[in-house]
PDBML (XML) file of the C-alpha atoms, coordinates in Angstrom:
<?xml version="1.0" encoding="UTF-8" ?>
<PDBx:datablock datablockName="MODEL"
   xmlns:PDBx="http://pdbml.pdb.org/schema/pdbx-v50.xsd"
   xmlns:xsi="http://www.w3.org/2001/XMLSchema-instance"
   xsi:schemaLocation="http://pdbml.pdb.org/schema/pdbx-v50.xsd pdbx-v50.xsd">
   <PDBx:atom_siteCategory>
      <PDBx:atom_site id="1">
         <PDBx:B_iso_or_equiv>0.00</PDBx:B_iso_or_equiv>
         <PDBx:Cartn_x>-0.015</PDBx:Cartn_x>
         <PDBx:Cartn_y>0.183</PDBx:Cartn_y>
         <PDBx:Cartn_z>0.020</PDBx:Cartn_z>
         <PDBx:auth_asym_id>A</PDBx:auth_asym_id>
         <PDBx:auth_atom_id>CA</PDBx:auth_atom_id>
         <PDBx:auth_comp_id>UNK</PDBx:auth_comp_id>
         <PDBx:auth_seq_id>1</PDBx:auth_seq_id>
         <PDBx:group_PDB>ATOM</PDBx:group_PDB>
         <PDBx:label_alt_id xsi:nil="true" />
         <PDBx:label_asym_id>A</PDBx:label_asym_id>
         <PDBx:label_atom_id>CA</PDBx:label_atom_id>
         <PDBx:label_comp_id>UNK</PDBx:label_comp_id>
         <PDBx:label_entity_id>1</PDBx:label_entity_id>
         <PDBx:label_seq_id>1</PDBx:label_seq_id>
         <PDBx:occupancy>1.00</PDBx:occupancy>
         <PDBx:pdbx_PDB_model_num>1</PDBx:pdbx_PDB_model_num>
         <PDBx:type_symbol>C</PDBx:type_symbol>
      </PDBx:atom_site>
      <PDBx:atom_site id="2">
         <PDBx:B_iso_or_equiv>0.00</PDBx:B_iso_or_equiv>
         <PDBx:Cartn_x>2.676</PDBx:Cartn_x>
         <PDBx:Cartn_y>3.048</PDBx:Cartn_y>
         <PDBx:Cartn_z>-1.618</PDBx:Cartn_z>
         <PDBx:auth_asym_id>A</PDBx:auth_asym_id>
         <PDBx:auth_atom_id>CA</PDBx:auth_atom_id>
         <PDBx:auth_comp_id>UNK</PDBx:auth_comp_id>
         <PDBx:auth_seq_id>2</PDBx:auth_seq_id>
         <PDBx:group_PDB>ATOM</PDBx:group_PDB>
         <PDBx:label_alt_id xsi:nil="true" />
         <PDBx:label_asym_id>A</PDBx:label_asym_id>
         <PDBx:label_atom_id>CA</PDBx:label_atom_id>
         <PDBx:label_comp_id>UNK</PDBx:label_comp_id>
         <PDBx:label_entity_id>1</PDBx:label_entity_id>
         <PDBx:label_seq_id>2</PDBx:label_seq_id>
         <PDBx:occupancy>1.00</PDBx:occupancy>
         <PDBx:pdbx_PDB_model_num>1</PDBx:pdbx_PDB_model_num>
         <PDBx:type_symbol>C</PDBx:type_symbol>
      </PDBx:atom_site>
      <PDBx:atom_site id="3">
         <PDBx:B_iso_or_equiv>0.00</PDBx:B_iso_or_equiv>
         <PDBx:Cartn_x>-0.236</PDBx:Cartn_x>
         <PDBx:Cartn_y>5.874</PDBx:Cartn_y>
         <PDBx:Cartn_z>-1.630</PDBx:Cartn_z>
         <PDBx:auth_asym_id>A</PDBx:auth_asym_id>
         <PDBx:auth_atom_id>CA</PDBx:auth_atom_id>
         <PDBx:auth_comp_id>UNK</PDBx:auth_comp_id>
         <PDBx:auth_seq_id>3</PDBx:auth_seq_id>
         <PDBx:group_PDB>ATOM</PDBx:group_PDB>
         <PDBx:label_alt_id xsi:nil="true" />
         <PDBx:label_asym_id>A</PDBx:label_asym_id>
         <PDBx:label_atom_id>CA</PDBx:label_atom_id>
         <PDBx:label_comp_id>UNK</PDBx:label_comp_id>
         <PDBx:label_entity_id>1</PDBx:label_entity_id>
         <PDBx:label_seq_id>3</PDBx:label_seq_id>
         <PDBx:occupancy>1.00</PDBx:occupancy>
         <PDBx:pdbx_PDB_model_num>1</PDBx:pdbx_PDB_model_num>
         <PDBx:type_symbol>C</PDBx:type_symbol>
      </PDBx:atom_site>
      <PDBx:atom_site id="4">
         <PDBx:B_iso_or_equiv>0.00</PDBx:B_iso_or_equiv>
         <PDBx:Cartn_x>2.002</PDBx:Cartn_x>
         <PDBx:Cartn_y>6.149</PDBx:Cartn_y>
         <PDBx:Cartn_z>-5.257</PDBx:Cartn_z>
         <PDBx:auth_asym_id>A</PDBx:auth_asym_id>
         <PDBx:auth_atom_id>CA</PDBx:auth_atom_id>
         <PDBx:auth_comp_id>UNK</PDBx:auth_comp_id>
         <PDBx:auth_seq_id>4</PDBx:auth_seq_id>
         <PDBx:group_PDB>ATOM</PDBx:group_PDB>
         <PDBx:label_alt_id xsi:nil="true" />
         <PDBx:label_asym_id>A</PDBx:label_asym_id>
         <PDBx:label_atom_id>CA</PDBx:label_atom_id>
         <PDBx:label_comp_id>UNK</PDBx:label_comp_id>
         <PDBx:label_entity_id>1</PDBx:label_entity_id>
         <PDBx:label_seq_id>4</PDBx:label_seq_id>
         <PDBx:occupancy>1.00</PDBx:occupancy>
         <PDBx:pdbx_PDB_model_num>1</PDBx:pdbx_PDB_model_num>
         <PDBx:type_symbol>C</PDBx:type_symbol>
      </PDBx:atom_site>
      <PDBx:atom_site id="5">
         <PDBx:B_iso_or_equiv>0.00</PDBx:B_iso_or_equiv>
         <PDBx:Cartn_x>5.122</PDBx:Cartn_x>
         <PDBx:Cartn_y>7.080</PDBx:Cartn_y>
         <PDBx:Cartn_z>-3.021</PDBx:Cartn_z>
         <PDBx:auth_asym_id>A</PDBx:auth_asym_id>
         <PDBx:auth_atom_id>CA</PDBx:auth_atom_id>
         <PDBx:auth_comp_id>UNK</PDBx:auth_comp_id>
         <PDBx:auth_seq_id>5</PDBx:auth_seq_id>
         <PDBx:group_PDB>ATOM</PDBx:group_PDB>
         <PDBx:label_alt_id xsi:nil="true" />
         <PDBx:label_asym_id>A</PDBx:label_asym_id>
         <PDBx:label_atom_id>CA</PDBx:label_atom_id>
         <PDBx:label_comp_id>UNK</PDBx:label_comp_id>
         <PDBx:label_entity_id>1</PDBx:label_entity_id>
         <PDBx:label_seq_id>5</PDBx:label_seq_id>
         <PDBx:occupancy>1.00</PDBx:occupancy>
         <PDBx:pdbx_PDB_model_num>1</PDBx:pdbx_PDB_model_num>
         <PDBx:type_symbol>C</PDBx:type_symbol>
      </PDBx:atom_site>
      <PDBx:atom_site id="6">
         <PDBx:B_iso_or_equiv>0.00</PDBx:B_iso_or_equiv>
         <PDBx:Cartn_x>8.427</PDBx:Cartn_x>
         <PDBx:Cartn_y>5.604</PDBx:Cartn_y>
         <PDBx:Cartn_z>-5.263</PDBx:Cartn_z>
         <PDBx:auth_asym_id>A</PDBx:auth_asym_id>
         <PDBx:auth_atom_id>CA</PDBx:auth_atom_id>
         <PDBx:auth_comp_id>UNK</PDBx:auth_comp_id>
         <PDBx:auth_seq_id>6</PDBx:auth_seq_id>
         <PDBx:group_PDB>ATOM</PDBx:group_PDB>
         <PDBx:label_alt_id xsi:nil="true" />
         <PDBx:label_asym_id>A</PDBx:label_asym_id>
         <PDBx:label_atom_id>CA</PDBx:label_atom_id>
         <PDBx:label_comp_id>UNK</PDBx:label_comp_id>
         <PDBx:label_entity_id>1</PDBx:label_entity_id>
         <PDBx:label_seq_id>6</PDBx:label_seq_id>
         <PDBx:occupancy>1.00</PDBx:occupancy>
         <PDBx:pdbx_PDB_model_num>1</PDBx:pdbx_PDB_model_num>
         <PDBx:type_symbol>C</PDBx:type_symbol>
      </PDBx:atom_site>
      <PDBx:atom_site id="7">
         <PDBx:B_iso_or_equiv>0.00</PDBx:B_iso_or_equiv>
         <PDBx:Cartn_x>10.347</PDBx:Cartn_x>
         <PDBx:Cartn_y>2.873</PDBx:Cartn_y>
         <PDBx:Cartn_z>-3.955</PDBx:Cartn_z>
         <PDBx:auth_asym_id>A</PDBx:auth_asym_id>
         <PDBx:auth_atom_id>CA</PDBx:auth_atom_id>
         <PDBx:auth_comp_id>UNK</PDBx:auth_comp_id>
         <PDBx:auth_seq_id>7</PDBx:auth_seq_id>
         <PDBx:group_PDB>ATOM</PDBx:group_PDB>
         <PDBx:label_alt_id xsi:nil="true" />
         <PDBx:label_asym_id>A</PDBx:label_asym_id>
         <PDBx:label_atom_id>CA</PDBx:label_atom_id>
         <PDBx:label_comp_id>UNK</PDBx:label_comp_id>
         <PDBx:label_entity_id>1</PDBx:label_entity_id>
         <PDBx:label_seq_id>7</PDBx:label_seq_id>
         <PDBx:occupancy>1.00</PDBx:occupancy>
         <PDBx:pdbx_PDB_model_num>1</PDBx:pdbx_PDB_model_num>
         <PDBx:type_symbol>C</PDBx:type_symbol>
      </PDBx:atom_site>
      <PDBx:atom_site id="8">
         <PDBx:B_iso_or_equiv>0.00</PDBx:B_iso_or_equiv>
         <PDBx:Cartn_x>13.676</PDBx:Cartn_x>
         <PDBx:Cartn_y>3.809</PDBx:Cartn_y>
         <PDBx:Cartn_z>-1.888</PDBx:Cartn_z>
         <PDBx:auth_asym_id>A</PDBx:auth_asym_id>
         <PDBx:auth_atom_id>CA</PDBx:auth_atom_id>
         <PDBx:auth_comp_id>UNK</PDBx:auth_comp_id>
         <PDBx:auth_seq_id>8</PDBx:auth_seq_id>
         <PDBx:group_PDB>ATOM</PDBx:group_PDB>
         <PDBx:label_alt_id xsi:nil="true" />
         <PDBx:label_asym_id>A</PDBx:label_asym_id>
         <PDBx:label_atom_id>CA</PDBx:label_atom_id>
         <PDBx:label_comp_id>UNK</PDBx:label_comp_id>
         <PDBx:label_entity_id>1</PDBx:label_entity_id>
         <PDBx:label_seq_id>8</PDBx:label_seq_id>
         <PDBx:occupancy>1.00</PDBx:occupancy>
         <PDBx:pdbx_PDB_model_num>1</PDBx:pdbx_PDB_model_num>
         <PDBx:type_symbol>C</PDBx:type_symbol>
      </PDBx:atom_site>
      <PDBx:atom_site id="9">
         <PDBx:B_iso_or_equiv>0.00</PDBx:B_iso_or_equiv>
         <PDBx:Cartn_x>16.267</PDBx:Cartn_x>
         <PDBx:Cartn_y>1.409</PDBx:Cartn_y>
         <PDBx:Cartn_z>-2.086</PDBx:Cartn_z>
         <PDBx:auth_asym_id>A</PDBx:auth_asym_id>
         <PDBx:auth_atom_id>CA</PDBx:auth_atom_id>
         <PDBx:auth_comp_id>UNK</PDBx:auth_comp_id>
         <PDBx:auth_seq_id>9</PDBx:auth_seq_id>
         <PDBx:group_PDB>ATOM</PDBx:group_PDB>
         <PDBx:label_alt_id xsi:nil="true" />
         <PDBx:label_asym_id>A</PDBx:label_asym_id>
         <PDBx:label_atom_id>CA</PDBx:label_atom_id>
         <PDBx:label_comp_id>UNK</PDBx:label_comp_id>
         <PDBx:label_entity_id>1</PDBx:label_entity_id>
         <PDBx:label_seq_id>9</PDBx:label_seq_id>
         <PDBx:occupancy>1.00</PDBx:occupancy>
         <PDBx:pdbx_PDB_model_num>1</PDBx:pdbx_PDB_model_num>
         <PDBx:type_symbol>C</PDBx:type_symbol>
      </PDBx:atom_site>
      <PDBx:atom_site id="10">
         <PDBx:B_iso_or_equiv>0.00</PDBx:B_iso_or_equiv>
         <PDBx:Cartn_x>18.167</PDBx:Cartn_x>
         <PDBx:Cartn_y>1.100</PDBx:Cartn_y>
         <PDBx:Cartn_z>0.879</PDBx:Cartn_z>
         <PDBx:auth_asym_id>A</PDBx:auth_asym_id>
         <PDBx:auth_atom_id>CA</PDBx:auth_atom_id>
         <PDBx:auth_comp_id>UNK</PDBx:auth_comp_id>
         <PDBx:auth_seq_id>10</PDBx:auth_seq_id>
         <PDBx:group_PDB>ATOM</PDBx:group_PDB>
         <PDBx:label_alt_id xsi:nil="true" />
         <PDBx:label_asym_id>A</PDBx:label_asym_id>
         <PDBx:label_atom_id>CA</PDBx:label_atom_id>
         <PDBx:label_comp_id>UNK</PDBx:label_comp_id>
         <PDBx:label_entity_id>1</PDBx:label_entity_id>
         <PDBx:label_seq_id>10</PDBx:label_seq_id>
         <PDBx:occupancy>1.00</PDBx:occupancy>
         <PDBx:pdbx_PDB_model_num>1</PDBx:pdbx_PDB_model_num>
         <PDBx:type_symbol>C</PDBx:type_symbol>
      </PDBx:atom_site>
      <PDBx:atom_site id="11">
         <PDBx:B_iso_or_equiv>0.00</PDBx:B_iso_or_equiv>
         <PDBx:Cartn_x>21.942</PDBx:Cartn_x>
         <PDBx:Cartn_y>1.848</PDBx:Cartn_y>
         <PDBx:Cartn_z>1.586</PDBx:Cartn_z>
         <PDBx:auth_asym_id>A</PDBx:auth_asym_id>
         <PDBx:auth_atom_id>CA</PDBx:auth_atom_id>
         <PDBx:auth_comp_id>UNK</PDBx:auth_comp_id>
         <PDBx:auth_seq_id>11</PDBx:auth_seq_id>
         <PDBx:group_PDB>ATOM</PDBx:group_PDB>
         <PDBx:label_alt_id xsi:nil="true" />
         <PDBx:label_asym_id>A</PDBx:label_asym_id>
         <PDBx:label_atom_id>CA</PDBx:label_atom_id>
         <PDBx:label_comp_id>UNK</PDBx:label_comp_id>
         <PDBx:label_entity_id>1</PDBx:label_entity_id>
         <PDBx:label_seq_id>11</PDBx:label_seq_id>
         <PDBx:occupancy>1.00</PDBx:occupancy>
         <PDBx:pdbx_PDB_model_num>1</PDBx:pdbx_PDB_model_num>
         <PDBx:type_symbol>C</PDBx:type_symbol>
      </PDBx:atom_site>
      <PDBx:atom_site id="12">
         <PDBx:B_iso_or_equiv>0.00</PDBx:B_iso_or_equiv>
         <PDBx:Cartn_x>23.650</PDBx:Cartn_x>
         <PDBx:Cartn_y>-0.852</PDBx:Cartn_y>
         <PDBx:Cartn_z>0.195</PDBx:Cartn_z>
         <PDBx:auth_asym_id>A</PDBx:auth_asym_id>
         <PDBx:auth_atom_id>CA</PDBx:auth_atom_id>
         <PDBx:auth_comp_id>UNK</PDBx:auth_comp_id>
         <PDBx:auth_seq_id>12</PDBx:auth_seq_id>
         <PDBx:group_PDB>ATOM</PDBx:group_PDB>
         <PDBx:label_alt_id xsi:nil="true" />
         <PDBx:label_asym_id>A</PDBx:label_asym_id>
         <PDBx:label_atom_id>CA</PDBx:label_atom_id>
         <PDBx:label_comp_id>UNK</PDBx:label_comp_id>
         <PDBx:label_entity_id>1</PDBx:label_entity_id>
         <PDBx:label_seq_id>12</PDBx:label_seq_id>
         <PDBx:occupancy>1.00</PDBx:occupancy>
         <PDBx:pdbx_PDB_model_num>1</PDBx:pdbx_PDB_model_num>
         <PDBx:type_symbol>C</PDBx:type_symbol>
      </PDBx:atom_site>
      <PDBx:atom_site id="13">
         <PDBx:B_iso_or_equiv>0.00</PDBx:B_iso_or_equiv>
         <PDBx:Cartn_x>20.730</PDBx:Cartn_x>
         <PDBx:Cartn_y>-2.926</PDBx:Cartn_y>
         <PDBx:Cartn_z>-1.798</PDBx:Cartn_z>
         <PDBx:auth_asym_id>A</PDBx:auth_asym_id>
         <PDBx:auth_atom_id>CA</PDBx:auth_atom_id>
         <PDBx:auth_comp_id>UNK</PDBx:auth_comp_id>
         <PDBx:auth_seq_id>13</PDBx:auth_seq_id>
         <PDBx:group_PDB>ATOM</PDBx:group_PDB>
         <PDBx:label_alt_id xsi:nil="true" />
         <PDBx:label_asym_id>A</PDBx:label_asym_id>
         <PDBx:label_atom_id>CA</PDBx:label_atom_id>
         <PDBx:label_comp_id>UNK</PDBx:label_comp_id>
         <PDBx:label_entity_id>1</PDBx:label_entity_id>
         <PDBx:label_seq_id>13</PDBx:label_seq_id>
         <PDBx:occupancy>1.00</PDBx:occupancy>
         <PDBx:pdbx_PDB_model_num>1</PDBx:pdbx_PDB_model_num>
         <PDBx:type_symbol>C</PDBx:type_symbol>
      </PDBx:atom_site>
      <PDBx:atom_site id="14">
         <PDBx:B_iso_or_equiv>0.00</PDBx:B_iso_or_equiv>
         <PDBx:Cartn_x>23.428</PDBx:Cartn_x>
         <PDBx:Cartn_y>-3.077</PDBx:Cartn_y>
         <PDBx:Cartn_z>-4.704</PDBx:Cartn_z>
         <PDBx:auth_asym_id>A</PDBx:auth_asym_id>
         <PDBx:auth_atom_id>CA</PDBx:auth_atom_id>
         <PDBx:auth_comp_id>UNK</PDBx:auth_comp_id>
         <PDBx:auth_seq_id>14</PDBx:auth_seq_id>
         <PDBx:group_PDB>ATOM</PDBx:group_PDB>
         <PDBx:label_alt_id xsi:nil="true" />
         <PDBx:label_asym_id>A</PDBx:label_asym_id>
         <PDBx:label_atom_id>CA</PDBx:label_atom_id>
         <PDBx:label_comp_id>UNK</PDBx:label_comp_id>
         <PDBx:label_entity_id>1</PDBx:label_entity_id>
         <PDBx:label_seq_id>14</PDBx:label_seq_id>
         <PDBx:occupancy>1.00</PDBx:occupancy>
         <PDBx:pdbx_PDB_model_num>1</PDBx:pdbx_PDB_model_num>
         <PDBx:type_symbol>C</PDBx:type_symbol>
      </PDBx:atom_site>
      <PDBx:atom_site id="15">
         <PDBx:B_iso_or_equiv>0.00</PDBx:B_iso_or_equiv>
         <PDBx:Cartn_x>26.385</PDBx:Cartn_x>
         <PDBx:Cartn_y>-4.668</PDBx:Cartn_y>
         <PDBx:Cartn_z>-2.323</PDBx:Cartn_z>
         <PDBx:auth_asym_id>A</PDBx:auth_asym_id>
         <PDBx:auth_atom_id>CA</PDBx:auth_atom_id>
         <PDBx:auth_comp_id>UNK</PDBx:auth_comp_id>
         <PDBx:auth_seq_id>15</PDBx:auth_seq_id>
         <PDBx:group_PDB>ATOM</PDBx:group_PDB>
         <PDBx:label_alt_id xsi:nil="true" />
         <PDBx:label_asym_id>A</PDBx:label_asym_id>
         <PDBx:label_atom_id>CA</PDBx:label_atom_id>
         <PDBx:label_comp_id>UNK</PDBx:label_comp_id>
         <PDBx:label_entity_id>1</PDBx:label_entity_id>
         <PDBx:label_seq_id>15</PDBx:label_seq_id>
         <PDBx:occupancy>1.00</PDBx:occupancy>
         <PDBx:pdbx_PDB_model_num>1</PDBx:pdbx_PDB_model_num>
         <PDBx:type_symbol>C</PDBx:type_symbol>
      </PDBx:atom_site>
      <PDBx:atom_site id="16">
         <PDBx:B_iso_or_equiv>0.00</PDBx:B_iso_or_equiv>
         <PDBx:Cartn_x>24.155</PDBx:Cartn_x>
         <PDBx:Cartn_y>-6.543</PDBx:Cartn_y>
         <PDBx:Cartn_z>-0.177</PDBx:Cartn_z>
         <PDBx:auth_asym_id>A</PDBx:auth_asym_id>
         <PDBx:auth_atom_id>CA</PDBx:auth_atom_id>
         <PDBx:auth_comp_id>UNK</PDBx:auth_comp_id>
         <PDBx:auth_seq_id>16</PDBx:auth_seq_id>
         <PDBx:group_PDB>ATOM</PDBx:group_PDB>
         <PDBx:label_alt_id xsi:nil="true" />
         <PDBx:label_asym_id>A</PDBx:label_asym_id>
         <PDBx:label_atom_id>CA</PDBx:label_atom_id>
         <PDBx:label_comp_id>UNK</PDBx:label_comp_id>
         <PDBx:label_entity_id>1</PDBx:label_entity_id>
         <PDBx:label_seq_id>16</PDBx:label_seq_id>
         <PDBx:occupancy>1.00</PDBx:occupancy>
         <PDBx:pdbx_PDB_model_num>1</PDBx:pdbx_PDB_model_num>
         <PDBx:type_symbol>C</PDBx:type_symbol>
      </PDBx:atom_site>
      <PDBx:atom_site id="17">
         <PDBx:B_iso_or_equiv>0.00</PDBx:B_iso_or_equiv>
         <PDBx:Cartn_x>22.311</PDBx:Cartn_x>
         <PDBx:Cartn_y>-8.460</PDBx:Cartn_y>
         <PDBx:Cartn_z>-3.104</PDBx:Cartn_z>
         <PDBx:auth_asym_id>A</PDBx:auth_asym_id>
         <PDBx:auth_atom_id>CA</PDBx:auth_atom_id>
         <PDBx:auth_comp_id>UNK</PDBx:auth_comp_id>
         <PDBx:auth_seq_id>17</PDBx:auth_seq_id>
         <PDBx:group_PDB>ATOM</PDBx:group_PDB>
         <PDBx:label_alt_id xsi:nil="true" />
         <PDBx:label_asym_id>A</PDBx:label_asym_id>
         <PDBx:label_atom_id>CA</PDBx:label_atom_id>
         <PDBx:label_comp_id>UNK</PDBx:label_comp_id>
         <PDBx:label_entity_id>1</PDBx:label_entity_id>
         <PDBx:label_seq_id>17</PDBx:label_seq_id>
         <PDBx:occupancy>1.00</PDBx:occupancy>
         <PDBx:pdbx_PDB_model_num>1</PDBx:pdbx_PDB_model_num>
         <PDBx:type_symbol>C</PDBx:type_symbol>
      </PDBx:atom_site>
      <PDBx:atom_site id="18">
         <PDBx:B_iso_or_equiv>0.00</PDBx:B_iso_or_equiv>
         <PDBx:Cartn_x>25.701</PDBx:Cartn_x>
         <PDBx:Cartn_y>-8.595</PDBx:Cartn_y>
         <PDBx:Cartn_z>-5.272</PDBx:Cartn_z>
         <PDBx:auth_asym_id>A</PDBx:auth_asym_id>
         <PDBx:auth_atom_id>CA</PDBx:auth_atom_id>
         <PDBx:auth_comp_id>UNK</PDBx:auth_comp_id>
         <PDBx:auth_seq_id>18</PDBx:auth_seq_id>
         <PDBx:group_PDB>ATOM</PDBx:group_PDB>
         <PDBx:label_alt_id xsi:nil="true" />
         <PDBx:label_asym_id>A</PDBx:label_asym_id>
         <PDBx:label_atom_id>CA</PDBx:label_atom_id>
         <PDBx:label_comp_id>UNK</PDBx:label_comp_id>
         <PDBx:label_entity_id>1</PDBx:label_entity_id>
         <PDBx:label_seq_id>18</PDBx:label_seq_id>
         <PDBx:occupancy>1.00</PDBx:occupancy>
         <PDBx:pdbx_PDB_model_num>1</PDBx:pdbx_PDB_model_num>
         <PDBx:type_symbol>C</PDBx:type_symbol>
      </PDBx:atom_site>
      <PDBx:atom_site id="19">
         <PDBx:B_iso_or_equiv>0.00</PDBx:B_iso_or_equiv>
         <PDBx:Cartn_x>27.024</PDBx:Cartn_x>
         <PDBx:Cartn_y>-11.150</PDBx:Cartn_y>
         <PDBx:Cartn_z>-1.871</PDBx:Cartn_z>
         <PDBx:auth_asym_id>A</PDBx:auth_asym_id>
         <PDBx:auth_atom_id>CA</PDBx:auth_atom_id>
         <PDBx:auth_comp_id>UNK</PDBx:auth_comp_id>
         <PDBx:auth_seq_id>19</PDBx:auth_seq_id>
         <PDBx:group_PDB>ATOM</PDBx:group_PDB>
         <PDBx:label_alt_id xsi:nil="true" />
         <PDBx:label_asym_id>A</PDBx:label_asym_id>
         <PDBx:label_atom_id>CA</PDBx:label_atom_id>
         <PDBx:label_comp_id>UNK</PDBx:label_comp_id>
         <PDBx:label_entity_id>1</PDBx:label_entity_id>
         <PDBx:label_seq_id>19</PDBx:label_seq_id>
         <PDBx:occupancy>1.00</PDBx:occupancy>
         <PDBx:pdbx_PDB_model_num>1</PDBx:pdbx_PDB_model_num>
         <PDBx:type_symbol>C</PDBx:type_symbol>
      </PDBx:atom_site>
      <PDBx:atom_site id="20">
         <PDBx:B_iso_or_equiv>0.00</PDBx:B_iso_or_equiv>
         <PDBx:Cartn_x>23.911</PDBx:Cartn_x>
         <PDBx:Cartn_y>-12.794</PDBx:Cartn_y>
         <PDBx:Cartn_z>-1.880</PDBx:Cartn_z>
         <PDBx:auth_asym_id>A</PDBx:auth_asym_id>
         <PDBx:auth_atom_id>CA</PDBx:auth_atom_id>
         <PDBx:auth_comp_id>UNK</PDBx:auth_comp_id>
         <PDBx:auth_seq_id>20</PDBx:auth_seq_id>
         <PDBx:group_PDB>ATOM</PDBx:group_PDB>
         <PDBx:label_alt_id xsi:nil="true" />
         <PDBx:label_asym_id>A</PDBx:label_asym_id>
         <PDBx:label_atom_id>CA</PDBx:label_atom_id>
         <PDBx:label_comp_id>UNK</PDBx:label_comp_id>
         <PDBx:label_entity_id>1</PDBx:label_entity_id>
         <PDBx:label_seq_id>20</PDBx:label_seq_id>
         <PDBx:occupancy>1.00</PDBx:occupancy>
         <PDBx:pdbx_PDB_model_num>1</PDBx:pdbx_PDB_model_num>
         <PDBx:type_symbol>C</PDBx:type_symbol>
      </PDBx:atom_site>
      <PDBx:atom_site id="21">
         <PDBx:B_iso_or_equiv>0.00</PDBx:B_iso_or_equiv>
         <PDBx:Cartn_x>23.604</PDBx:Cartn_x>
         <PDBx:Cartn_y>-13.789</PDBx:Cartn_y>
         <PDBx:Cartn_z>-4.489</PDBx:Cartn_z>
         <PDBx:auth_asym_id>A</PDBx:auth_asym_id>
         <PDBx:auth_atom_id>CA</PDBx:auth_atom_id>
         <PDBx:auth_comp_id>UNK</PDBx:auth_comp_id>
         <PDBx:auth_seq_id>21</PDBx:auth_seq_id>
         <PDBx:group_PDB>ATOM</PDBx:group_PDB>
         <PDBx:label_alt_id xsi:nil="true" />
         <PDBx:label_asym_id>A</PDBx:label_asym_id>
         <PDBx:label_atom_id>CA</PDBx:label_atom_id>
         <PDBx:label_comp_id>UNK</PDBx:label_comp_id>
         <PDBx:label_entity_id>1</PDBx:label_entity_id>
         <PDBx:label_seq_id>21</PDBx:label_seq_id>
         <PDBx:occupancy>1.00</PDBx:occupancy>
         <PDBx:pdbx_PDB_model_num>1</PDBx:pdbx_PDB_model_num>
         <PDBx:type_symbol>C</PDBx:type_symbol>
      </PDBx:atom_site>
      <PDBx:atom_site id="22">
         <PDBx:B_iso_or_equiv>0.00</PDBx:B_iso_or_equiv>
         <PDBx:Cartn_x>27.891</PDBx:Cartn_x>
         <PDBx:Cartn_y>-15.422</PDBx:Cartn_y>
         <PDBx:Cartn_z>-4.329</PDBx:Cartn_z>
         <PDBx:auth_asym_id>A</PDBx:auth_asym_id>
         <PDBx:auth_atom_id>CA</PDBx:auth_atom_id>
         <PDBx:auth_comp_id>UNK</PDBx:auth_comp_id>
         <PDBx:auth_seq_id>22</PDBx:auth_seq_id>
         <PDBx:group_PDB>ATOM</PDBx:group_PDB>
         <PDBx:label_alt_id xsi:nil="true" />
         <PDBx:label_asym_id>A</PDBx:label_asym_id>
         <PDBx:label_atom_id>CA</PDBx:label_atom_id>
         <PDBx:label_comp_id>UNK</PDBx:label_comp_id>
         <PDBx:label_entity_id>1</PDBx:label_entity_id>
         <PDBx:label_seq_id>22</PDBx:label_seq_id>
         <PDBx:occupancy>1.00</PDBx:occupancy>
         <PDBx:pdbx_PDB_model_num>1</PDBx:pdbx_PDB_model_num>
         <PDBx:type_symbol>C</PDBx:type_symbol>
      </PDBx:atom_site>
      <PDBx:atom_site id="23">
         <PDBx:B_iso_or_equiv>0.00</PDBx:B_iso_or_equiv>
         <PDBx:Cartn_x>26.717</PDBx:Cartn_x>
         <PDBx:Cartn_y>-17.224</PDBx:Cartn_y>
         <PDBx:Cartn_z>-1.990</PDBx:Cartn_z>
         <PDBx:auth_asym_id>A</PDBx:auth_asym_id>
         <PDBx:auth_atom_id>CA</PDBx:auth_atom_id>
         <PDBx:auth_comp_id>UNK</PDBx:auth_comp_id>
         <PDBx:auth_seq_id>23</PDBx:auth_seq_id>
         <PDBx:group_PDB>ATOM</PDBx:group_PDB>
         <PDBx:label_alt_id xsi:nil="true" />
         <PDBx:label_asym_id>A</PDBx:label_asym_id>
         <PDBx:label_atom_id>CA</PDBx:label_atom_id>
         <PDBx:label_comp_id>UNK</PDBx:label_comp_id>
         <PDBx:label_entity_id>1</PDBx:label_entity_id>
         <PDBx:label_seq_id>23</PDBx:label_seq_id>
         <PDBx:occupancy>1.00</PDBx:occupancy>
         <PDBx:pdbx_PDB_model_num>1</PDBx:pdbx_PDB_model_num>
         <PDBx:type_symbol>C</PDBx:type_symbol>
      </PDBx:atom_site>
      <PDBx:atom_site id="24">
         <PDBx:B_iso_or_equiv>0.00</PDBx:B_iso_or_equiv>
         <PDBx:Cartn_x>23.122</PDBx:Cartn_x>
         <PDBx:Cartn_y>-19.026</PDBx:Cartn_y>
         <PDBx:Cartn_z>-3.346</PDBx:Cartn_z>
         <PDBx:auth_asym_id>A</PDBx:auth_asym_id>
         <PDBx:auth_atom_id>CA</PDBx:auth_atom_id>
         <PDBx:auth_comp_id>UNK</PDBx:auth_comp_id>
         <PDBx:auth_seq_id>24</PDBx:auth_seq_id>
         <PDBx:group_PDB>ATOM</PDBx:group_PDB>
         <PDBx:label_alt_id xsi:nil="true" />
         <PDBx:label_asym_id>A</PDBx:label_asym_id>
         <PDBx:label_atom_id>CA</PDBx:label_atom_id>
         <PDBx:label_comp_id>UNK</PDBx:label_comp_id>
         <PDBx:label_entity_id>1</PDBx:label_entity_id>
         <PDBx:label_seq_id>24</PDBx:label_seq_id>
         <PDBx:occupancy>1.00</PDBx:occupancy>
         <PDBx:pdbx_PDB_model_num>1</PDBx:pdbx_PDB_model_num>
         <PDBx:type_symbol>C</PDBx:type_symbol>
      </PDBx:atom_site>
      <PDBx:atom_site id="25">
         <PDBx:B_iso_or_equiv>0.00</PDBx:B_iso_or_equiv>
         <PDBx:Cartn_x>25.972</PDBx:Cartn_x>
         <PDBx:Cartn_y>-19.865</PDBx:Cartn_y>
         <PDBx:Cartn_z>-6.191</PDBx:Cartn_z>
         <PDBx:auth_asym_id>A</PDBx:auth_asym_id>
         <PDBx:auth_atom_id>CA</PDBx:auth_atom_id>
         <PDBx:auth_comp_id>UNK</PDBx:auth_comp_id>
         <PDBx:auth_seq_id>25</PDBx:auth_seq_id>
         <PDBx:group_PDB>ATOM</PDBx:group_PDB>
         <PDBx:label_alt_id xsi:nil="true" />
         <PDBx:label_asym_id>A</PDBx:label_asym_id>
         <PDBx:label_atom_id>CA</PDBx:label_atom_id>
         <PDBx:label_comp_id>UNK</PDBx:label_comp_id>
         <PDBx:label_entity_id>1</PDBx:label_entity_id>
         <PDBx:label_seq_id>25</PDBx:label_seq_id>
         <PDBx:occupancy>1.00</PDBx:occupancy>
         <PDBx:pdbx_PDB_model_num>1</PDBx:pdbx_PDB_model_num>
         <PDBx:type_symbol>C</PDBx:type_symbol>
      </PDBx:atom_site>
   </PDBx:atom_siteCategory>
</PDBx:datablock>
């Protein structure tokens, strides 16, 4: 229920994505 507010990415989203992707692999 976002009231048409845009998604605000958090600090570390990309870095954590890369770490988690490597762990999953």
